Amino acid sequence: MRIGLSYDLKETVAIQQTGCDDAYEEYDSPETVELIAASLETEGHVAVMLGGGREFLENILRHQVDFIFNIAEGRGTHRSREAQVPSILEMLDIPYSGSDPQCLAISLDKPLTKKLVASAGVHTPKWCVITDSQGLYQKEANGFPFPAIVKPAYEGSSKGIRLTSVVEDSNQAIEVIESLLGKYQQPVMIEEFIAGDEVTMGIVGNSPPRVLGMMRILPKRRDGHFVYSLEVKRDYLNLVEYECPVHLERKVLHNLEHSGLAAFEALGCRDFARVDFRVSPQGIPYFLEINPLPGLGTHSDLVIMAKRLGWSHQGLIAAVLNTALERCPQCVRV
């Protein structure tokens, strides 16, 4: 089968978020794309490199492909940017892996995602959206809890989430909010900080989806509030340890699994996703966010988790691909 690979490389994406040193964080490296292509070819397919942006538009019309393996993050700073490539593929009636445009657009919008997930009965921290620093005073008057964490409302890959993102009071919050509003040019979400373990969950499949595994992120140094921030992810070998499988009580693991699958289904995710939680000292899982287009590079959480559970990179890519192909009976595997 000829499988097109859609992706956005760091070096081909123009800087659109001036003043942000994490503008490229969500985009992929050539090594990641080559690794995925090699996994597809080991499975007996022909990988056709399509790229992203205008290059993708030109290539998808030029090359004949049977299916698209999509990891493109989209261009610009639009909150619906991850839906760009799937929208084009649906217009051209070309089947592809991963979630559809509606799910991808919703999931990058953290506040909207939380509303939908909470409606499915999943615990989420208290949160509110701030469009200017004055808006915080109104929320504080209504008893918004501190400590809290402040983050951009429409970003992924921990963009805008730093070691300084946890704030103890409104004065600290205003300082961080004003900085994020200026740098990211979008609303800011302030969220109750849940002290406890950070757990990320991988999900693969559709009918039904299943939990691939869970991984607990443990700081090597426990001094103050731990945040799985951009600085930590960039230096994860020195700053954290990954526990996989997760050693938590059976009831907590059951509640995590139930919450992760409920979020996956409430948002209409397809094929695979990664879900992030904080587990309170009382053992309650609190949904933080979901990534229906998780990274598949060597250093990505989903890949690290899968390898610790005995999966090869090729096995993970094959699982995602085969799950997607099961939705597409018109695709004939050769």
Protein backbone atom coordinates (compact mmCIF):
# COMPACT_ATOMS: atom_id res chain seq x y z
CA MET A 1 0.00 0.00 0.00
CA ARG A 2 1.21 3.50 -0.79
CA ILE A 3 0.93 5.47 2.43
CA GLY A 4 1.43 9.22 2.40
CA LEU A 5 3.09 10.78 5.42
CA SER A 6 1.89 14.30 6.34
CA TYR A 7 4.03 16.23 8.82
CA ASP A 8 5.39 19.64 9.76
CA LEU A 9 9.13 19.99 10.29
CA LYS A 10 10.58 22.51 12.72
CA GLU A 11 12.95 23.98 10.13
CA THR A 12 10.27 24.51 7.46
CA VAL A 13 7.80 26.37 9.69
CA ALA A 14 8.24 30.15 9.72
CA ILE A 15 8.31 31.87 13.11
CA GLN A 16 4.82 33.11 13.87
CA GLN A 17 5.04 33.59 17.63
CA THR A 18 7.71 36.21 18.00
CA GLY A 19 9.14 36.43 21.48
CA CYS A 20 8.41 32.77 22.26
CA ASP A 21 11.32 30.36 22.42
CA ASP A 22 8.88 27.43 22.20
CA ALA A 23 7.30 28.39 18.88
CA TYR A 24 8.62 25.22 17.22
CA GLU A 25 7.96 22.87 20.13
CA GLU A 26 5.04 20.95 18.63
CA TYR A 27 6.67 20.38 15.25
CA ASP A 28 8.69 17.30 14.32
CA SER A 29 12.30 16.63 13.39
CA PRO A 30 13.44 14.87 10.20
CA GLU A 31 14.60 11.99 12.39
CA THR A 32 11.05 11.40 13.67
CA VAL A 33 9.58 11.45 10.16
CA GLU A 34 12.27 9.07 8.90
CA LEU A 35 11.67 6.74 11.85
CA ILE A 36 7.93 6.56 11.14
CA ALA A 37 8.56 6.06 7.41
CA ALA A 38 10.97 3.22 8.18
CA SER A 39 8.38 1.57 10.45
CA LEU A 40 5.75 1.81 7.71
CA GLU A 41 8.13 0.35 5.13
CA THR A 42 9.13 -2.50 7.46
CA GLU A 43 5.42 -3.35 7.54
CA GLY A 44 5.58 -3.75 3.75
CA HIS A 45 4.21 -0.36 2.68
CA VAL A 46 5.65 2.36 0.47
CA ALA A 47 6.05 5.63 2.38
CA VAL A 48 5.40 8.77 0.32
CA MET A 49 6.68 11.98 1.91
CA LEU A 50 4.07 14.74 1.60
CA GLY A 51 5.22 17.33 4.16
CA GLY A 52 2.92 20.04 5.44
CA GLY A 53 1.52 23.46 4.56
CA ARG A 54 1.69 24.52 0.91
CA GLU A 55 4.08 21.65 0.17
CA PHE A 56 1.44 19.19 1.36
CA LEU A 57 -1.23 20.82 -0.82
CA GLU A 58 0.96 20.45 -3.90
CA ASN A 59 2.08 16.91 -3.10
CA ILE A 60 -1.31 15.47 -2.22
CA LEU A 61 -2.60 16.52 -5.65
CA ARG A 62 0.49 15.22 -7.43
CA HIS A 63 1.05 11.83 -5.77
CA GLN A 64 -1.27 8.85 -5.85
CA VAL A 65 -1.63 7.39 -2.34
CA ASP A 66 -4.00 4.88 -0.78
CA PHE A 67 -3.94 6.23 2.75
CA ILE A 68 -2.39 9.02 4.83
CA PHE A 69 -0.52 8.55 8.10
CA ASN A 70 -1.03 11.99 9.59
CA ILE A 71 1.22 13.65 12.17
CA ALA A 72 0.89 17.22 10.80
CA GLU A 73 0.36 19.81 13.55
CA GLY A 74 -0.88 22.52 11.18
CA ARG A 75 0.38 26.01 10.44
CA GLY A 76 -0.18 29.32 12.19
CA THR A 77 -1.43 29.95 15.71
CA HIS A 78 -5.10 29.17 15.06
CA ARG A 79 -6.78 27.02 17.69
CA SER A 80 -8.06 24.76 14.89
CA ARG A 81 -4.67 24.34 13.21
CA GLU A 82 -4.41 20.59 13.86
CA ALA A 83 -7.58 20.15 11.81
CA GLN A 84 -6.08 21.64 8.64
CA VAL A 85 -4.68 18.50 7.00
CA PRO A 86 -7.59 16.19 7.96
CA SER A 87 -10.04 18.76 6.59
CA ILE A 88 -8.27 18.76 3.23
CA LEU A 89 -8.17 14.97 3.18
CA GLU A 90 -11.89 14.74 3.86
CA MET A 91 -12.57 17.21 1.06
CA LEU A 92 -10.51 14.99 -1.29
CA ASP A 93 -12.08 11.80 0.15
CA ILE A 94 -8.69 10.35 1.11
CA PRO A 95 -8.69 8.15 4.24
CA TYR A 96 -6.22 8.98 7.01
CA SER A 97 -5.11 7.94 10.47
CA GLY A 98 -6.07 9.70 13.68
CA SER A 99 -8.92 11.88 14.82
CA ASP A 100 -11.17 13.95 12.59
CA PRO A 101 -11.11 17.77 12.25
CA GLN A 102 -13.81 18.39 14.84
CA CYS A 103 -12.04 16.40 17.54
CA LEU A 104 -8.66 17.95 16.78
CA ALA A 105 -10.05 21.49 16.81
CA ILE A 106 -11.86 20.95 20.10
CA SER A 107 -8.98 19.23 21.88
CA LEU A 108 -6.51 22.06 21.31
CA ASP A 109 -9.00 24.37 23.04
CA LYS A 110 -8.33 23.47 26.68
CA PRO A 111 -11.40 25.19 28.21
CA LEU A 112 -13.83 23.69 25.70
CA THR A 113 -12.23 20.27 26.15
CA LYS A 114 -12.69 20.48 29.91
CA LYS A 115 -16.36 21.37 29.56
CA LEU A 116 -17.03 18.32 27.41
CA VAL A 117 -14.95 15.95 29.52
CA ALA A 118 -16.56 17.20 32.74
CA SER A 119 -19.99 16.60 31.18
CA ALA A 120 -18.97 12.94 30.81
CA GLY A 121 -18.47 12.70 34.57
CA VAL A 122 -14.67 13.01 34.62
CA HIS A 123 -13.10 15.05 37.43
CA THR A 124 -11.26 18.19 36.33
CA PRO A 125 -9.54 20.86 38.44
CA LYS A 126 -11.42 24.12 38.90
CA TRP A 127 -10.53 26.52 36.11
CA CYS A 128 -11.48 29.72 34.38
CA VAL A 129 -10.50 31.66 31.27
CA ILE A 130 -8.88 35.08 31.55
CA THR A 131 -8.74 37.47 28.60
CA ASP A 132 -7.11 40.33 30.52
CA SER A 133 -5.37 40.70 33.88
CA GLN A 134 -8.33 42.55 35.39
CA GLY A 135 -10.51 39.51 34.89
CA LEU A 136 -8.62 37.69 37.62
CA TYR A 137 -9.87 40.04 40.33
CA GLN A 138 -13.47 39.03 39.62
CA LYS A 139 -12.58 35.34 39.82
CA GLU A 140 -10.63 35.83 43.03
CA ALA A 141 -13.59 37.58 44.59
CA ASN A 142 -15.60 34.42 43.91
CA GLY A 143 -13.07 32.35 45.85
CA PHE A 144 -10.87 30.89 43.10
CA PRO A 145 -8.44 28.48 44.83
CA PHE A 146 -4.70 29.00 45.04
CA PRO A 147 -2.14 27.66 44.33
CA ALA A 148 -3.03 27.59 40.66
CA ILE A 149 -1.30 27.00 37.36
CA VAL A 150 -1.49 29.46 34.47
CA LYS A 151 -1.23 28.32 30.85
CA PRO A 152 -2.19 29.45 27.31
CA ALA A 153 -5.69 28.28 26.40
CA TYR A 154 -4.96 27.01 22.88
CA GLU A 155 -1.54 25.35 22.95
CA GLY A 156 -0.10 21.85 23.17
CA SER A 157 3.35 20.32 23.73
CA SER A 158 3.62 22.20 27.07
CA LYS A 159 4.02 25.49 25.21
CA GLY A 160 3.78 28.32 27.73
CA ILE A 161 3.97 25.96 30.72
CA ARG A 162 7.13 26.73 32.70
CA LEU A 163 8.55 26.22 36.16
CA THR A 164 7.13 29.65 37.01
CA SER A 165 3.60 28.75 35.90
CA VAL A 166 2.41 27.76 39.38
CA VAL A 167 1.25 30.84 41.28
CA GLU A 168 0.46 31.24 44.98
CA ASP A 169 -1.74 34.31 44.86
CA SER A 170 -3.38 36.85 42.54
CA ASN A 171 -0.30 39.10 42.40
CA GLN A 172 1.85 36.29 41.02
CA ALA A 173 -0.99 35.21 38.75
CA ILE A 174 -1.37 38.66 37.20
CA GLU A 175 2.33 38.79 36.38
CA VAL A 176 2.26 35.42 34.61
CA ILE A 177 -1.09 36.13 32.91
CA GLU A 178 0.11 39.44 31.47
CA SER A 179 3.27 37.76 30.15
CA LEU A 180 1.33 34.95 28.45
CA LEU A 181 -1.30 37.28 27.00
CA GLY A 182 1.46 39.33 25.43
CA LYS A 183 3.52 36.44 24.08
CA TYR A 184 0.84 34.07 22.84
CA GLN A 185 -1.91 36.49 21.77
CA GLN A 186 -4.72 34.27 23.05
CA PRO A 187 -6.77 33.81 26.22
CA VAL A 188 -5.14 32.29 29.28
CA MET A 189 -6.51 29.52 31.47
CA ILE A 190 -5.91 29.55 35.21
CA GLU A 191 -6.46 26.17 36.81
CA GLU A 192 -6.51 24.87 40.35
CA PHE A 193 -3.17 23.17 41.02
CA ILE A 194 -3.62 19.56 42.08
CA ALA A 195 -0.80 18.42 44.32
CA GLY A 196 -0.05 14.79 43.55
CA ASP A 197 1.30 12.45 40.91
CA GLU A 198 1.39 13.27 37.21
CA VAL A 199 0.21 10.29 35.14
CA THR A 200 -0.02 10.07 31.39
CA MET A 201 -2.03 7.38 29.61
CA GLY A 202 -1.80 5.96 26.11
CA ILE A 203 -4.96 4.79 24.34
CA VAL A 204 -5.14 2.81 21.08
CA GLY A 205 -8.18 1.46 19.23
CA ASN A 206 -11.77 2.34 18.41
CA SER A 207 -14.37 -0.37 18.93
CA PRO A 208 -13.62 -0.42 21.73
CA PRO A 209 -10.57 1.74 22.49
CA ARG A 210 -8.17 0.21 25.00
CA VAL A 211 -5.56 1.57 27.36
CA LEU A 212 -2.12 0.80 25.99
CA GLY A 213 -0.53 1.71 29.31
CA MET A 214 0.09 4.39 31.91
CA MET A 215 3.27 6.14 33.01
CA ARG A 216 3.90 8.12 36.19
CA ILE A 217 6.28 11.09 35.95
CA LEU A 218 8.32 11.35 39.15
CA PRO A 219 10.66 14.29 39.85
CA LYS A 220 14.18 13.32 40.89
CA ARG A 221 14.25 16.31 43.22
CA ARG A 222 11.18 17.10 45.30
CA ASP A 223 11.40 20.78 46.18
CA GLY A 224 8.13 22.66 45.91
CA HIS A 225 5.37 22.14 43.36
CA PHE A 226 6.31 19.74 40.58
CA VAL A 227 5.22 20.76 37.09
CA TYR A 228 5.90 18.65 34.01
CA SER A 229 6.98 21.84 32.30
CA LEU A 230 8.79 22.61 29.09
CA GLU A 231 12.11 22.89 30.93
CA VAL A 232 11.58 19.45 32.47
CA LYS A 233 10.64 17.83 29.16
CA ARG A 234 13.71 19.31 27.50
CA ASP A 235 15.95 17.80 30.20
CA TYR A 236 13.87 14.78 31.22
CA LEU A 237 16.81 12.39 31.57
CA ASN A 238 18.23 14.49 34.42
CA LEU A 239 15.05 15.79 36.02
CA VAL A 240 12.46 13.00 36.09
CA GLU A 241 12.05 9.27 36.32
CA TYR A 242 9.35 7.41 34.41
CA GLU A 243 7.49 4.67 36.27
CA CYS A 244 5.87 2.24 33.86
CA PRO A 245 3.91 0.18 34.72
CA VAL A 246 2.47 2.53 37.34
CA HIS A 247 2.57 1.41 40.97
CA LEU A 248 -0.69 2.80 42.36
CA GLU A 249 -3.59 1.19 44.14
CA ARG A 250 -5.82 -0.96 41.96
CA LYS A 251 -8.82 1.28 42.59
CA VAL A 252 -6.86 4.36 41.46
CA LEU A 253 -5.69 2.58 38.32
CA HIS A 254 -9.27 1.51 37.58
CA ASN A 255 -10.52 5.09 37.99
CA LEU A 256 -7.73 6.39 35.77
CA GLU A 257 -8.58 3.91 33.05
CA HIS A 258 -12.29 4.69 33.28
CA SER A 259 -11.64 8.46 33.14
CA GLY A 260 -9.20 8.22 30.24
CA LEU A 261 -11.53 6.13 28.09
CA ALA A 262 -14.49 8.37 28.99
CA ALA A 263 -12.56 11.45 27.85
CA PHE A 264 -11.43 9.71 24.64
CA GLU A 265 -15.00 8.78 23.74
CA ALA A 266 -16.60 12.06 24.86
CA LEU A 267 -14.34 14.01 22.49
CA GLY A 268 -14.76 11.58 19.61
CA CYS A 269 -11.09 10.59 19.42
CA ARG A 270 -10.02 7.94 16.93
CA ASP A 271 -7.19 5.42 16.66
CA PHE A 272 -4.90 6.72 19.41
CA ALA A 273 -4.37 9.51 21.92
CA ARG A 274 -2.50 10.42 25.09
CA VAL A 275 -4.37 11.67 28.17
CA ASP A 276 -2.76 13.54 31.08
CA PHE A 277 -3.94 13.42 34.70
CA ARG A 278 -2.94 14.56 38.16
CA VAL A 279 -3.81 12.10 40.92
CA SER A 280 -4.63 13.87 44.18
CA PRO A 281 -3.32 12.64 47.56
CA GLN A 282 -6.83 11.21 48.06
CA GLY A 283 -6.38 9.05 44.94
CA ILE A 284 -8.78 11.03 42.71
CA PRO A 285 -7.68 11.34 39.04
CA TYR A 286 -8.11 14.88 37.68
CA PHE A 287 -8.15 15.29 33.92
CA LEU A 288 -5.66 17.89 32.66
CA GLU A 289 -5.74 17.57 28.89
CA ILE A 290 -5.82 15.15 25.99
CA ASN A 291 -3.63 14.98 22.91
CA PRO A 292 -5.35 13.17 20.02
CA LEU A 293 -2.24 13.80 17.90
CA PRO A 294 0.56 12.78 20.29
CA GLY A 295 4.21 12.83 19.31
CA LEU A 296 5.68 9.64 17.87
CA GLY A 297 9.36 10.54 18.08
CA THR A 298 11.91 8.68 20.19
CA HIS A 299 11.63 11.12 23.10
CA SER A 300 7.83 11.42 23.08
CA ASP A 301 5.94 10.23 26.16
CA LEU A 302 3.77 7.76 24.25
CA VAL A 303 6.82 6.13 22.65
CA ILE A 304 8.75 6.03 25.94
CA MET A 305 5.72 4.41 27.60
CA ALA A 306 5.26 1.86 24.83
CA LYS A 307 8.92 0.83 24.86
CA ARG A 308 8.85 0.34 28.63
CA LEU A 309 5.89 -1.96 28.12
CA GLY A 310 7.78 -4.04 25.58
CA TRP A 311 6.59 -2.44 22.34
CA SER A 312 8.96 -1.58 19.51
CA HIS A 313 8.49 1.68 17.63
CA GLN A 314 7.48 -0.34 14.60
CA GLY A 315 4.92 -2.22 16.69
CA LEU A 316 3.37 1.01 17.95
CA ILE A 317 3.15 2.53 14.47
CA ALA A 318 1.68 -0.72 13.13
CA ALA A 319 -0.93 -0.76 15.90
CA VAL A 320 -2.03 2.80 15.11
CA LEU A 321 -2.06 2.14 11.37
CA ASN A 322 -3.99 -1.13 11.61
CA THR A 323 -6.52 0.44 13.96
CA ALA A 324 -7.06 3.24 11.45
CA LEU A 325 -7.32 0.85 8.50
CA GLU A 326 -10.06 -1.10 10.28
CA ARG A 327 -12.22 2.02 9.92
CA CYS A 328 -11.56 2.16 6.19
CA PRO A 329 -12.85 -0.97 4.43
CA GLN A 330 -12.24 0.75 1.09
CA CYS A 331 -8.50 0.45 1.73
CA VAL A 332 -7.09 -2.78 0.33
CA ARG A 333 -3.90 -3.86 2.04
CA VAL A 334 -1.27 -5.38 -0.21
